C-alpha atoms as a PDB file:
ATOM      1  CA  MET A   1      -0.033  -0.186  -0.034  1.00  0.00           C
ATOM      2  CA  HIS A   2       0.821   3.528  -0.770  1.00  0.00           C
ATOM      3  CA  ILE A   3       0.180   6.317   1.488  1.00  0.00           C
ATOM      4  CA  GLY A   4       1.036  10.009   0.689  1.00  0.00           C
ATOM      5  CA  ILE A   5      -0.359  13.401   1.754  1.00  0.00           C
ATOM      6  CA  LEU A   6      -3.482  15.287  -0.204  1.00  0.00           C
ATOM      7  CA  ARG A   7      -3.301  19.208   0.587  1.00  0.00           C
ATOM      8  CA  LEU A   8      -7.025  20.406  -0.383  1.00  0.00           C
ATOM      9  CA  PHE A   9      -8.266  24.135   0.098  1.00  0.00           C
ATOM     10  CA  GLY A  10      -5.625  24.049   3.035  1.00  0.00           C
ATOM     11  CA  GLU A  11      -6.626  20.834   4.814  1.00  0.00           C
ATOM     12  CA  GLU A  12      -4.289  17.760   4.833  1.00  0.00           C
ATOM     13  CA  ALA A  13      -5.172  14.477   4.842  1.00  0.00           C
ATOM     14  CA  ILE A  14      -3.443  11.229   4.661  1.00  0.00           C
ATOM     15  CA  ILE A  15      -4.373   9.068   1.480  1.00  0.00           C
ATOM     16  CA  ASP A  16      -3.521   5.645   0.534  1.00  0.00           C
ATOM     17  CA  ASP A  17      -3.266   4.242  -3.095  1.00  0.00           C
ATOM     18  CA  GLN A  18      -6.664   2.713  -2.739  1.00  0.00           C
ATOM     19  CA  GLY A  19      -8.156   6.457  -2.399  1.00  0.00           C
ATOM     20  CA  ARG A  20      -9.133   6.144   1.665  1.00  0.00           C
ATOM     21  CA  LEU A  21      -8.444   9.417   3.692  1.00  0.00           C
ATOM     22  CA  TYR A  22      -7.526   9.565   6.947  1.00  0.00           C
ATOM     23  CA  SER A  23      -8.380  12.065   9.200  1.00  0.00           C
ATOM     24  CA  ASP A  24      -5.965  13.966  11.957  1.00  0.00           C
ATOM     25  CA  GLU A  25      -8.056  11.892  14.739  1.00  0.00           C
ATOM     26  CA  GLU A  26      -7.567   8.288  12.781  1.00  0.00           C
ATOM     27  CA  ILE A  27      -3.880   8.827  12.067  1.00  0.00           C
ATOM     28  CA  ALA A  28      -3.347   9.451  15.729  1.00  0.00           C
ATOM     29  CA  LEU A  29      -5.456   6.461  16.559  1.00  0.00           C
ATOM     30  CA  ILE A  30      -3.893   4.543  13.883  1.00  0.00           C
ATOM     31  CA  LEU A  31      -0.125   5.390  15.122  1.00  0.00           C
ATOM     32  CA  ARG A  32      -1.129   4.452  18.934  1.00  0.00           C
ATOM     33  CA  LYS A  33      -2.558   1.123  17.735  1.00  0.00           C
ATOM     34  CA  ALA A  34       0.124  -0.091  15.735  1.00  0.00           C
ATOM     35  CA  THR A  35       2.662   0.610  18.714  1.00  0.00           C
ATOM     36  CA  ASP A  36       0.371  -0.923  20.993  1.00  0.00           C
ATOM     37  CA  LEU A  37       0.227  -3.732  18.862  1.00  0.00           C
ATOM     38  CA  GLN A  38       4.552  -3.876  18.465  1.00  0.00           C
ATOM     39  CA  GLN A  39       4.903  -3.472  22.237  1.00  0.00           C
ATOM     40  CA  ALA A  40       2.500  -6.583  22.802  1.00  0.00           C
ATOM     41  CA  ALA A  41       4.521  -8.534  20.158  1.00  0.00           C
ATOM     42  CA  GLY A  42       7.541  -8.260  22.074  1.00  0.00           C
ATOM     43  CA  SER A  43       9.163  -5.717  19.169  1.00  0.00           C
ATOM     44  CA  ALA A  44      12.087  -3.742  19.820  1.00  0.00           C
ATOM     45  CA  ALA A  45      10.293  -0.155  19.548  1.00  0.00           C
ATOM     46  CA  GLY A  46      13.215   1.558  20.961  1.00  0.00           C
ATOM     47  CA  GLU A  47      13.212   3.741  23.820  1.00  0.00           C
ATOM     48  CA  GLY A  48      11.932   6.647  22.278  1.00  0.00           C
ATOM     49  CA  LEU A  49      12.250   9.703  20.529  1.00  0.00           C
ATOM     50  CA  SER A  50      14.187  12.832  20.902  1.00  0.00           C
ATOM     51  CA  LEU A  51      12.188  16.250  20.101  1.00  0.00           C
ATOM     52  CA  PRO A  52      13.758  17.086  17.040  1.00  0.00           C
ATOM     53  CA  MET A  53      13.434  13.428  15.768  1.00  0.00           C
ATOM     54  CA  LEU A  54       9.613  13.699  16.677  1.00  0.00           C
ATOM     55  CA  ALA A  55       9.400  17.098  14.619  1.00  0.00           C
ATOM     56  CA  ASP A  56      10.993  15.376  11.853  1.00  0.00           C
ATOM     57  CA  ILE A  57       8.678  12.820  11.366  1.00  0.00           C
ATOM     58  CA  ALA A  58       5.741  15.203  11.813  1.00  0.00           C
ATOM     59  CA  ASP A  59       7.319  17.426   8.816  1.00  0.00           C
ATOM     60  CA  GLU A  60       7.309  14.115   7.025  1.00  0.00           C
ATOM     61  CA  ILE A  61       3.201  14.360   7.114  1.00  0.00           C
ATOM     62  CA  GLY A  62       2.685  18.120   6.939  1.00  0.00           C
ATOM     63  CA  VAL A  63       2.616  19.110  10.800  1.00  0.00           C
ATOM     64  CA  ASP A  64       4.418  21.851  11.354  1.00  0.00           C
ATOM     65  CA  ARG A  65       7.532  21.974  13.733  1.00  0.00           C
ATOM     66  CA  GLU A  66       6.331  24.830  15.919  1.00  0.00           C
ATOM     67  CA  PHE A  67       3.178  22.838  16.776  1.00  0.00           C
ATOM     68  CA  VAL A  68       5.339  19.758  17.905  1.00  0.00           C
ATOM     69  CA  GLU A  69       7.176  21.488  19.889  1.00  0.00           C
ATOM     70  CA  ARG A  70       3.998  23.486  21.512  1.00  0.00           C
ATOM     71  CA  ALA A  71       2.575  19.811  22.162  1.00  0.00           C
ATOM     72  CA  ALA A  72       5.820  18.870  23.889  1.00  0.00           C
ATOM     73  CA  LEU A  73       5.801  21.606  26.335  1.00  0.00           C
ATOM     74  CA  ALA A  74       2.444  21.177  27.141  1.00  0.00           C
ATOM     75  CA  LEU A  75       2.947  17.050  28.062  1.00  0.00           C
ATOM     76  CA  ASP A  76       6.422  18.441  29.742  1.00  0.00           C
ATOM     77  CA  SER A  77       4.388  20.970  31.759  1.00  0.00           C
ATOM     78  CA  ARG A  78       1.462  18.547  33.110  1.00  0.00           C
ATOM     79  CA  PRO A  79       1.644  18.537  37.160  1.00  0.00           C
ATOM     80  CA  GLU A  80       2.536  14.925  38.143  1.00  0.00           C
ATOM     81  CA  PRO A  81      -0.038  12.934  39.716  1.00  0.00           C
ATOM     82  CA  HIS A  82       0.653  12.242  43.421  1.00  0.00           C
ATOM     83  CA  LEU A  83       0.774   8.960  44.681  1.00  0.00           C
ATOM     84  CA  GLY A  84      -1.151   7.545  47.892  1.00  0.00           C
ATOM     85  CA  ARG A  85      -3.366   9.885  50.325  1.00  0.00           C
ATOM     86  CA  PRO A  86      -3.272  13.627  49.899  1.00  0.00           C
ATOM     87  CA  VAL A  87      -0.962  15.522  51.862  1.00  0.00           C
ATOM     88  CA  CYS A  88      -2.157  17.735  54.750  1.00  0.00           C
ATOM     89  CA  LEU A  89      -0.244  20.521  55.906  1.00  0.00           C
END
């Protein structure tokens, strides 16, 4: 199967060789499922990706690097959950 990017009226979608378009939400779900399947199969998926590596991949599918960096910053600034019971001072 061949997959490419279709740009139409300023919108982007992933299209395969059979004309199937995948929305941004579907792309995210497909990639999440694929990594889950690979991990469950015991395949070495690696230790992760650096931000520049992730931005390069996103760039390949037409996602602006700035938005990848902003998303990573938002992820890194999430509050960490507290374990156990609440702490009272």
